[in-house]
Amino acid sequence: TAMRKQVDALKIDGLVVIGNDRTYECAARLSENIRIPIVGIPAALNCNLPGTDWIVGMDSALNDLLKGIDRAAAAAHVLKKVFLIHIKGEYCPCLVQSAALAGGAEFVVVDEEQGDNWDDFQKKVTIKMRDLHRIITMGKTFATIIFFSRHAKRTDQALDIIKQSIKSSGIRLETSVISLETSLGGIIPTAFDRILAQRLGEKAMVTLQNNMNNRAHAFQIVGI
């Protein structure tokens, strides 16, 4: 009731919100409770929002990740080492896979297991490290591996398993771990994100205006 009075006092007929899944949840509840149209614009560091393949902020986060991956790859090349790049933050398969692909990493290892059962994870890592050994024996003198753990408590153990598997597979290159935090990325938006924000903003305003004219009191989202 207090919220409804405040909306009436401010003469708010509709809202455009921009944000992540929590923003969407709040907007949906707000729209239902105060009966006004609300349109959401997707903005997050990862691609975990429904209804769109592109999210404002994802390109910026990917670019920031690539800066770290490129530096690691360059150092690995010079030092003749294996760099195990540990990406931290909220898990997004699209962001992790895109960073690995664009950064030229040899392999991506994701720990999706739960509990103390390490068998499946160890088998997966062993197969990948055997393939890495084959690549190195063919003449490659360095490598980069992207690692992400969906379970923070298992991270250190998972990293130890990967490093041990590298040794067990016969790879003699020294291994170093580098941590990159996705939640610190995307502070300075790329040109793509800025243009995407403009396009989605225009679509959101058109959608909101139509909903206001039609008295459609619902929460909707825009996307590509």
C-alpha atoms as a PDB file:
ATOM      1  CA  THR A   1       0.000   0.000   0.000  1.00  0.00           C
ATOM      2  CA  ALA A   2       2.781   2.429   0.897  1.00  0.00           C
ATOM      3  CA  MET A   3       4.534   1.638  -2.368  1.00  0.00           C
ATOM      4  CA  ARG A   4       1.328   2.184  -4.332  1.00  0.00           C
ATOM      5  CA  LYS A   5       0.861   5.595  -2.653  1.00  0.00           C
ATOM      6  CA  GLN A   6       4.435   6.582  -3.476  1.00  0.00           C
ATOM      7  CA  VAL A   7       4.018   5.603  -7.126  1.00  0.00           C
ATOM      8  CA  ASP A   8       0.804   7.597  -7.339  1.00  0.00           C
ATOM      9  CA  ALA A   9       2.424  10.607  -5.643  1.00  0.00           C
ATOM     10  CA  LEU A  10       5.292  10.582  -8.113  1.00  0.00           C
ATOM     11  CA  LYS A  11       2.859  10.015 -11.008  1.00  0.00           C
ATOM     12  CA  ILE A  12       4.812   6.996 -12.290  1.00  0.00           C
ATOM     13  CA  ASP A  13       2.926   5.294 -15.125  1.00  0.00           C
ATOM     14  CA  GLY A  14       5.652   2.810 -16.057  1.00  0.00           C
ATOM     15  CA  LEU A  15       9.272   1.854 -15.413  1.00  0.00           C
ATOM     16  CA  VAL A  16      12.312   0.726 -17.363  1.00  0.00           C
ATOM     17  CA  VAL A  17      14.789  -1.230 -15.236  1.00  0.00           C
ATOM     18  CA  ILE A  18      18.264  -2.419 -16.191  1.00  0.00           C
ATOM     19  CA  GLY A  19      20.119  -5.153 -14.360  1.00  0.00           C
ATOM     20  CA  ASN A  20      20.628  -8.855 -13.689  1.00  0.00           C
ATOM     21  CA  ASP A  21      18.352 -11.700 -12.583  1.00  0.00           C
ATOM     22  CA  ARG A  22      17.786 -10.182  -9.134  1.00  0.00           C
ATOM     23  CA  THR A  23      16.668  -6.951 -10.797  1.00  0.00           C
ATOM     24  CA  TYR A  24      14.238  -8.981 -12.893  1.00  0.00           C
ATOM     25  CA  GLU A  25      12.809 -10.724  -9.828  1.00  0.00           C
ATOM     26  CA  CYS A  26      12.247  -7.430  -7.982  1.00  0.00           C
ATOM     27  CA  ALA A  27      10.698  -5.838 -11.082  1.00  0.00           C
ATOM     28  CA  ALA A  28       8.297  -8.746 -11.573  1.00  0.00           C
ATOM     29  CA  ARG A  29       7.093  -8.509  -7.967  1.00  0.00           C
ATOM     30  CA  LEU A  30       6.819  -4.733  -8.195  1.00  0.00           C
ATOM     31  CA  SER A  31       4.776  -4.908 -11.401  1.00  0.00           C
ATOM     32  CA  GLU A  32       2.400  -7.429  -9.874  1.00  0.00           C
ATOM     33  CA  ASN A  33       1.934  -5.527  -6.623  1.00  0.00           C
ATOM     34  CA  ILE A  34       1.478  -1.981  -7.908  1.00  0.00           C
ATOM     35  CA  ARG A  35      -0.055  -2.861 -11.295  1.00  0.00           C
ATOM     36  CA  ILE A  36       2.095  -0.805 -13.657  1.00  0.00           C
ATOM     37  CA  PRO A  37       3.994  -1.934 -16.784  1.00  0.00           C
ATOM     38  CA  ILE A  38       7.736  -2.522 -16.318  1.00  0.00           C
ATOM     39  CA  VAL A  39      10.277  -3.429 -18.996  1.00  0.00           C
ATOM     40  CA  GLY A  40      13.658  -4.967 -18.176  1.00  0.00           C
ATOM     41  CA  ILE A  41      16.937  -4.440 -20.036  1.00  0.00           C
ATOM     42  CA  PRO A  42      19.462  -7.265 -19.495  1.00  0.00           C
ATOM     43  CA  ALA A  43      22.759  -6.151 -17.958  1.00  0.00           C
ATOM     44  CA  ALA A  44      25.228  -8.483 -16.244  1.00  0.00           C
ATOM     45  CA  LEU A  45      28.788  -9.777 -16.450  1.00  0.00           C
ATOM     46  CA  ASN A  46      27.585 -13.147 -17.694  1.00  0.00           C
ATOM     47  CA  CYS A  47      24.976 -14.475 -20.083  1.00  0.00           C
ATOM     48  CA  ASN A  48      22.557 -16.056 -17.608  1.00  0.00           C
ATOM     49  CA  LEU A  49      19.427 -14.018 -18.330  1.00  0.00           C
ATOM     50  CA  PRO A  50      16.426 -15.379 -20.256  1.00  0.00           C
ATOM     51  CA  GLY A  51      15.124 -14.137 -23.584  1.00  0.00           C
ATOM     52  CA  THR A  52      18.360 -12.855 -25.096  1.00  0.00           C
ATOM     53  CA  ASP A  53      21.683 -14.037 -26.525  1.00  0.00           C
ATOM     54  CA  TRP A  54      23.369 -10.690 -25.859  1.00  0.00           C
ATOM     55  CA  ILE A  55      23.572  -8.944 -22.497  1.00  0.00           C
ATOM     56  CA  VAL A  56      24.913  -5.478 -21.768  1.00  0.00           C
ATOM     57  CA  GLY A  57      28.235  -5.923 -19.948  1.00  0.00           C
ATOM     58  CA  MET A  58      29.155  -9.371 -21.225  1.00  0.00           C
ATOM     59  CA  ASP A  59      31.396  -8.100 -24.032  1.00  0.00           C
ATOM     60  CA  SER A  60      33.190  -5.786 -21.599  1.00  0.00           C
ATOM     61  CA  ALA A  61      33.740  -8.632 -19.121  1.00  0.00           C
ATOM     62  CA  LEU A  62      35.009 -10.890 -21.922  1.00  0.00           C
ATOM     63  CA  ASN A  63      37.472  -8.226 -23.081  1.00  0.00           C
ATOM     64  CA  ASP A  64      38.814  -7.787 -19.552  1.00  0.00           C
ATOM     65  CA  LEU A  65      39.212 -11.543 -19.162  1.00  0.00           C
ATOM     66  CA  LEU A  66      41.046 -11.740 -22.481  1.00  0.00           C
ATOM     67  CA  LYS A  67      43.578  -9.158 -21.352  1.00  0.00           C
ATOM     68  CA  GLY A  68      44.599 -11.470 -18.512  1.00  0.00           C
ATOM     69  CA  ILE A  69      44.522 -14.598 -20.679  1.00  0.00           C
ATOM     70  CA  ASP A  70      46.623 -12.954 -23.400  1.00  0.00           C
ATOM     71  CA  ARG A  71      49.240 -11.850 -20.879  1.00  0.00           C
ATOM     72  CA  ALA A  72      49.343 -15.341 -19.398  1.00  0.00           C
ATOM     73  CA  ALA A  73      49.697 -16.926 -22.851  1.00  0.00           C
ATOM     74  CA  ALA A  74      52.513 -14.538 -23.769  1.00  0.00           C
ATOM     75  CA  ALA A  75      54.344 -15.283 -20.510  1.00  0.00           C
ATOM     76  CA  ALA A  76      53.825 -19.036 -20.951  1.00  0.00           C
ATOM     77  CA  HIS A  77      55.332 -18.804 -24.436  1.00  0.00           C
ATOM     78  CA  VAL A  78      58.411 -16.953 -23.197  1.00  0.00           C
ATOM     79  CA  LEU A  79      58.913 -19.017 -20.039  1.00  0.00           C
ATOM     80  CA  LYS A  80      58.042 -22.399 -21.640  1.00  0.00           C
ATOM     81  CA  LYS A  81      55.442 -23.158 -18.967  1.00  0.00           C
ATOM     82  CA  VAL A  82      51.882 -24.373 -18.522  1.00  0.00           C
ATOM     83  CA  PHE A  83      49.670 -21.641 -17.116  1.00  0.00           C
ATOM     84  CA  LEU A  84      46.533 -22.844 -15.358  1.00  0.00           C
ATOM     85  CA  ILE A  85      44.164 -19.862 -15.514  1.00  0.00           C
ATOM     86  CA  HIS A  86      41.606 -20.051 -12.709  1.00  0.00           C
ATOM     87  CA  ILE A  87      38.541 -17.968 -13.568  1.00  0.00           C
ATOM     88  CA  LYS A  88      36.502 -16.953 -10.532  1.00  0.00           C
ATOM     89  CA  GLY A  89      33.047 -15.459 -10.204  1.00  0.00           C
ATOM     90  CA  GLU A  90      29.490 -16.451 -11.055  1.00  0.00           C
ATOM     91  CA  TYR A  91      29.514 -19.347 -13.511  1.00  0.00           C
ATOM     92  CA  CYS A  92      28.468 -18.689 -17.075  1.00  0.00           C
ATOM     93  CA  PRO A  93      29.264 -21.407 -19.653  1.00  0.00           C
ATOM     94  CA  CYS A  94      29.035 -18.908 -22.509  1.00  0.00           C
ATOM     95  CA  LEU A  95      31.526 -16.481 -20.932  1.00  0.00           C
ATOM     96  CA  VAL A  96      34.020 -19.174 -19.885  1.00  0.00           C
ATOM     97  CA  GLN A  97      33.912 -20.989 -23.232  1.00  0.00           C
ATOM     98  CA  SER A  98      34.122 -17.723 -25.199  1.00  0.00           C
ATOM     99  CA  ALA A  99      37.126 -16.563 -23.171  1.00  0.00           C
ATOM    100  CA  ALA A 100      38.883 -19.883 -23.741  1.00  0.00           C
ATOM    101  CA  LEU A 101      38.123 -19.876 -27.470  1.00  0.00           C
ATOM    102  CA  ALA A 102      39.128 -16.249 -28.049  1.00  0.00           C
ATOM    103  CA  GLY A 103      42.203 -16.614 -25.836  1.00  0.00           C
ATOM    104  CA  GLY A 104      43.450 -19.694 -27.664  1.00  0.00           C
ATOM    105  CA  ALA A 105      43.530 -21.933 -24.588  1.00  0.00           C
ATOM    106  CA  GLU A 106      44.356 -25.568 -25.209  1.00  0.00           C
ATOM    107  CA  PHE A 107      41.668 -26.896 -22.878  1.00  0.00           C
ATOM    108  CA  VAL A 108      38.786 -25.868 -20.615  1.00  0.00           C
ATOM    109  CA  VAL A 109      38.273 -27.752 -17.361  1.00  0.00           C
ATOM    110  CA  VAL A 110      35.075 -27.120 -15.386  1.00  0.00           C
ATOM    111  CA  ASP A 111      34.476 -28.764 -12.026  1.00  0.00           C
ATOM    112  CA  GLU A 112      30.721 -29.303 -11.853  1.00  0.00           C
ATOM    113  CA  GLU A 113      30.786 -32.169  -9.363  1.00  0.00           C
ATOM    114  CA  GLN A 114      29.479 -31.964  -5.804  1.00  0.00           C
ATOM    115  CA  GLY A 115      30.467 -33.659  -2.568  1.00  0.00           C
ATOM    116  CA  ASP A 116      33.602 -35.777  -2.159  1.00  0.00           C
ATOM    117  CA  ASN A 117      33.239 -37.945  -5.248  1.00  0.00           C
ATOM    118  CA  TRP A 118      36.226 -37.044  -7.412  1.00  0.00           C
ATOM    119  CA  ASP A 119      36.170 -40.008  -9.793  1.00  0.00           C
ATOM    120  CA  ASP A 120      34.389 -38.358 -12.726  1.00  0.00           C
ATOM    121  CA  PHE A 121      36.409 -35.166 -12.401  1.00  0.00           C
ATOM    122  CA  GLN A 122      39.708 -37.045 -12.240  1.00  0.00           C
ATOM    123  CA  LYS A 123      38.810 -39.113 -15.300  1.00  0.00           C
ATOM    124  CA  LYS A 124      37.909 -35.979 -17.255  1.00  0.00           C
ATOM    125  CA  VAL A 125      41.145 -34.247 -16.269  1.00  0.00           C
ATOM    126  CA  THR A 126      43.268 -37.319 -17.057  1.00  0.00           C
ATOM    127  CA  ILE A 127      41.900 -37.539 -20.610  1.00  0.00           C
ATOM    128  CA  LYS A 128      42.523 -33.830 -21.241  1.00  0.00           C
ATOM    129  CA  MET A 129      46.075 -33.955 -19.876  1.00  0.00           C
ATOM    130  CA  ARG A 130      46.897 -36.962 -22.042  1.00  0.00           C
ATOM    131  CA  ASP A 131      45.771 -34.948 -25.040  1.00  0.00           C
ATOM    132  CA  LEU A 132      47.879 -32.019 -23.833  1.00  0.00           C
ATOM    133  CA  HIS A 133      50.913 -34.313 -23.538  1.00  0.00           C
ATOM    134  CA  ARG A 134      50.381 -35.418 -27.124  1.00  0.00           C
ATOM    135  CA  ILE A 135      50.251 -31.790 -28.274  1.00  0.00           C
ATOM    136  CA  ILE A 136      53.466 -30.950 -26.420  1.00  0.00           C
ATOM    137  CA  THR A 137      55.320 -33.995 -27.772  1.00  0.00           C
ATOM    138  CA  MET A 138      54.444 -32.754 -31.257  1.00  0.00           C
ATOM    139  CA  GLY A 139      56.493 -29.614 -30.609  1.00  0.00           C
ATOM    140  CA  LYS A 140      54.410 -27.151 -28.587  1.00  0.00           C
ATOM    141  CA  THR A 141      56.556 -25.559 -25.884  1.00  0.00           C
ATOM    142  CA  PHE A 142      53.858 -23.926 -23.744  1.00  0.00           C
ATOM    143  CA  ALA A 143      50.150 -24.177 -22.959  1.00  0.00           C
ATOM    144  CA  THR A 144      47.259 -22.395 -21.249  1.00  0.00           C
ATOM    145  CA  ILE A 145      44.371 -24.172 -19.535  1.00  0.00           C
ATOM    146  CA  ILE A 146      41.168 -22.447 -18.419  1.00  0.00           C
ATOM    147  CA  PHE A 147      39.749 -23.780 -15.151  1.00  0.00           C
ATOM    148  CA  PHE A 148      36.463 -22.943 -13.438  1.00  0.00           C
ATOM    149  CA  SER A 149      35.026 -24.543 -10.310  1.00  0.00           C
ATOM    150  CA  ARG A 150      31.313 -24.284  -9.594  1.00  0.00           C
ATOM    151  CA  HIS A 151      32.012 -25.215  -5.978  1.00  0.00           C
ATOM    152  CA  ALA A 152      34.359 -22.850  -4.139  1.00  0.00           C
ATOM    153  CA  LYS A 153      35.109 -25.340  -1.341  1.00  0.00           C
ATOM    154  CA  ARG A 154      36.509 -27.831  -3.853  1.00  0.00           C
ATOM    155  CA  THR A 155      38.643 -25.361  -5.786  1.00  0.00           C
ATOM    156  CA  ASP A 156      42.020 -25.982  -4.124  1.00  0.00           C
ATOM    157  CA  GLN A 157      41.616 -29.749  -4.337  1.00  0.00           C
ATOM    158  CA  ALA A 158      40.555 -29.540  -7.979  1.00  0.00           C
ATOM    159  CA  LEU A 159      43.607 -27.427  -8.825  1.00  0.00           C
ATOM    160  CA  ASP A 160      45.861 -29.947  -7.070  1.00  0.00           C
ATOM    161  CA  ILE A 161      44.307 -32.775  -9.092  1.00  0.00           C
ATOM    162  CA  ILE A 162      44.937 -30.929 -12.359  1.00  0.00           C
ATOM    163  CA  LYS A 163      48.556 -30.133 -11.468  1.00  0.00           C
ATOM    164  CA  GLN A 164      49.166 -33.725 -10.375  1.00  0.00           C
ATOM    165  CA  SER A 165      47.598 -35.023 -13.590  1.00  0.00           C
ATOM    166  CA  ILE A 166      49.893 -32.791 -15.628  1.00  0.00           C
ATOM    167  CA  LYS A 167      52.911 -34.398 -13.951  1.00  0.00           C
ATOM    168  CA  SER A 168      51.494 -37.910 -14.184  1.00  0.00           C
ATOM    169  CA  SER A 169      50.863 -37.551 -17.915  1.00  0.00           C
ATOM    170  CA  GLY A 170      54.588 -36.998 -18.512  1.00  0.00           C
ATOM    171  CA  ILE A 171      54.488 -33.252 -19.159  1.00  0.00           C
ATOM    172  CA  ARG A 172      57.750 -31.825 -17.860  1.00  0.00           C
ATOM    173  CA  LEU A 173      56.863 -28.164 -18.199  1.00  0.00           C
ATOM    174  CA  GLU A 174      56.489 -26.206 -14.971  1.00  0.00           C
ATOM    175  CA  THR A 175      52.904 -25.308 -14.050  1.00  0.00           C
ATOM    176  CA  SER A 176      51.746 -21.997 -12.546  1.00  0.00           C
ATOM    177  CA  VAL A 177      48.268 -20.924 -11.441  1.00  0.00           C
ATOM    178  CA  ILE A 178      46.856 -17.495 -12.311  1.00  0.00           C
ATOM    179  CA  SER A 179      43.521 -16.288 -10.909  1.00  0.00           C
ATOM    180  CA  LEU A 180      41.192 -13.972 -12.818  1.00  0.00           C
ATOM    181  CA  GLU A 181      38.068 -12.551 -11.169  1.00  0.00           C
ATOM    182  CA  THR A 182      35.131 -12.074 -13.563  1.00  0.00           C
ATOM    183  CA  SER A 183      33.208  -9.864 -11.130  1.00  0.00           C
ATOM    184  CA  LEU A 184      35.940  -7.224 -11.409  1.00  0.00           C
ATOM    185  CA  GLY A 185      35.565  -7.001 -15.182  1.00  0.00           C
ATOM    186  CA  GLY A 186      33.436  -4.852 -17.420  1.00  0.00           C
ATOM    187  CA  ILE A 187      34.019  -1.601 -15.514  1.00  0.00           C
ATOM    188  CA  ILE A 188      34.793   0.340 -18.704  1.00  0.00           C
ATOM    189  CA  PRO A 189      32.175  -0.680 -21.310  1.00  0.00           C
ATOM    190  CA  THR A 190      33.243  -1.587 -24.827  1.00  0.00           C
ATOM    191  CA  ALA A 191      31.812   0.127 -27.903  1.00  0.00           C
ATOM    192  CA  PHE A 192      29.702  -2.971 -28.574  1.00  0.00           C
ATOM    193  CA  ASP A 193      28.127  -2.828 -25.112  1.00  0.00           C
ATOM    194  CA  ARG A 194      27.417   0.888 -25.421  1.00  0.00           C
ATOM    195  CA  ILE A 195      25.663   0.445 -28.767  1.00  0.00           C
ATOM    196  CA  LEU A 196      23.805  -2.619 -27.475  1.00  0.00           C
ATOM    197  CA  ALA A 197      22.585  -0.613 -24.470  1.00  0.00           C
ATOM    198  CA  GLN A 198      21.277   2.094 -26.787  1.00  0.00           C
ATOM    199  CA  ARG A 199      19.427  -0.388 -29.018  1.00  0.00           C
ATOM    200  CA  LEU A 200      17.889  -2.274 -26.125  1.00  0.00           C
ATOM    201  CA  GLY A 201      16.981   1.016 -24.445  1.00  0.00           C
ATOM    202  CA  GLU A 202      15.107   2.197 -27.523  1.00  0.00           C
ATOM    203  CA  LYS A 203      13.248  -1.112 -27.754  1.00  0.00           C
ATOM    204  CA  ALA A 204      12.413  -0.988 -24.051  1.00  0.00           C
ATOM    205  CA  MET A 205      10.909   2.484 -24.356  1.00  0.00           C
ATOM    206  CA  VAL A 206       8.781   1.481 -27.352  1.00  0.00           C
ATOM    207  CA  THR A 207       7.582  -1.633 -25.508  1.00  0.00           C
ATOM    208  CA  LEU A 208       6.797   0.357 -22.366  1.00  0.00           C
ATOM    209  CA  GLN A 209       4.846   2.974 -24.297  1.00  0.00           C
ATOM    210  CA  ASN A 210       2.768   0.285 -26.026  1.00  0.00           C
ATOM    211  CA  ASN A 211       2.045  -1.422 -22.716  1.00  0.00           C
ATOM    212  CA  MET A 212       1.034   1.866 -21.109  1.00  0.00           C
ATOM    213  CA  ASN A 213      -1.308   2.666 -23.998  1.00  0.00           C
ATOM    214  CA  ASN A 214      -2.836  -0.815 -23.825  1.00  0.00           C
ATOM    215  CA  ARG A 215      -2.961  -0.807 -20.012  1.00  0.00           C
ATOM    216  CA  ALA A 216      -0.945  -4.027 -19.972  1.00  0.00           C
ATOM    217  CA  HIS A 217       0.203  -4.234 -16.353  1.00  0.00           C
ATOM    218  CA  ALA A 218       2.985  -6.792 -16.674  1.00  0.00           C
ATOM    219  CA  PHE A 219       6.748  -7.177 -16.493  1.00  0.00           C
ATOM    220  CA  GLN A 220       8.378  -7.794 -19.842  1.00  0.00           C
ATOM    221  CA  ILE A 221      11.983  -8.044 -21.016  1.00  0.00           C
ATOM    222  CA  VAL A 222      13.791  -7.033 -24.182  1.00  0.00           C
ATOM    223  CA  GLY A 223      16.635  -8.893 -25.840  1.00  0.00           C
ATOM    224  CA  ILE A 224      18.258 -10.082 -29.046  1.00  0.00           C
END
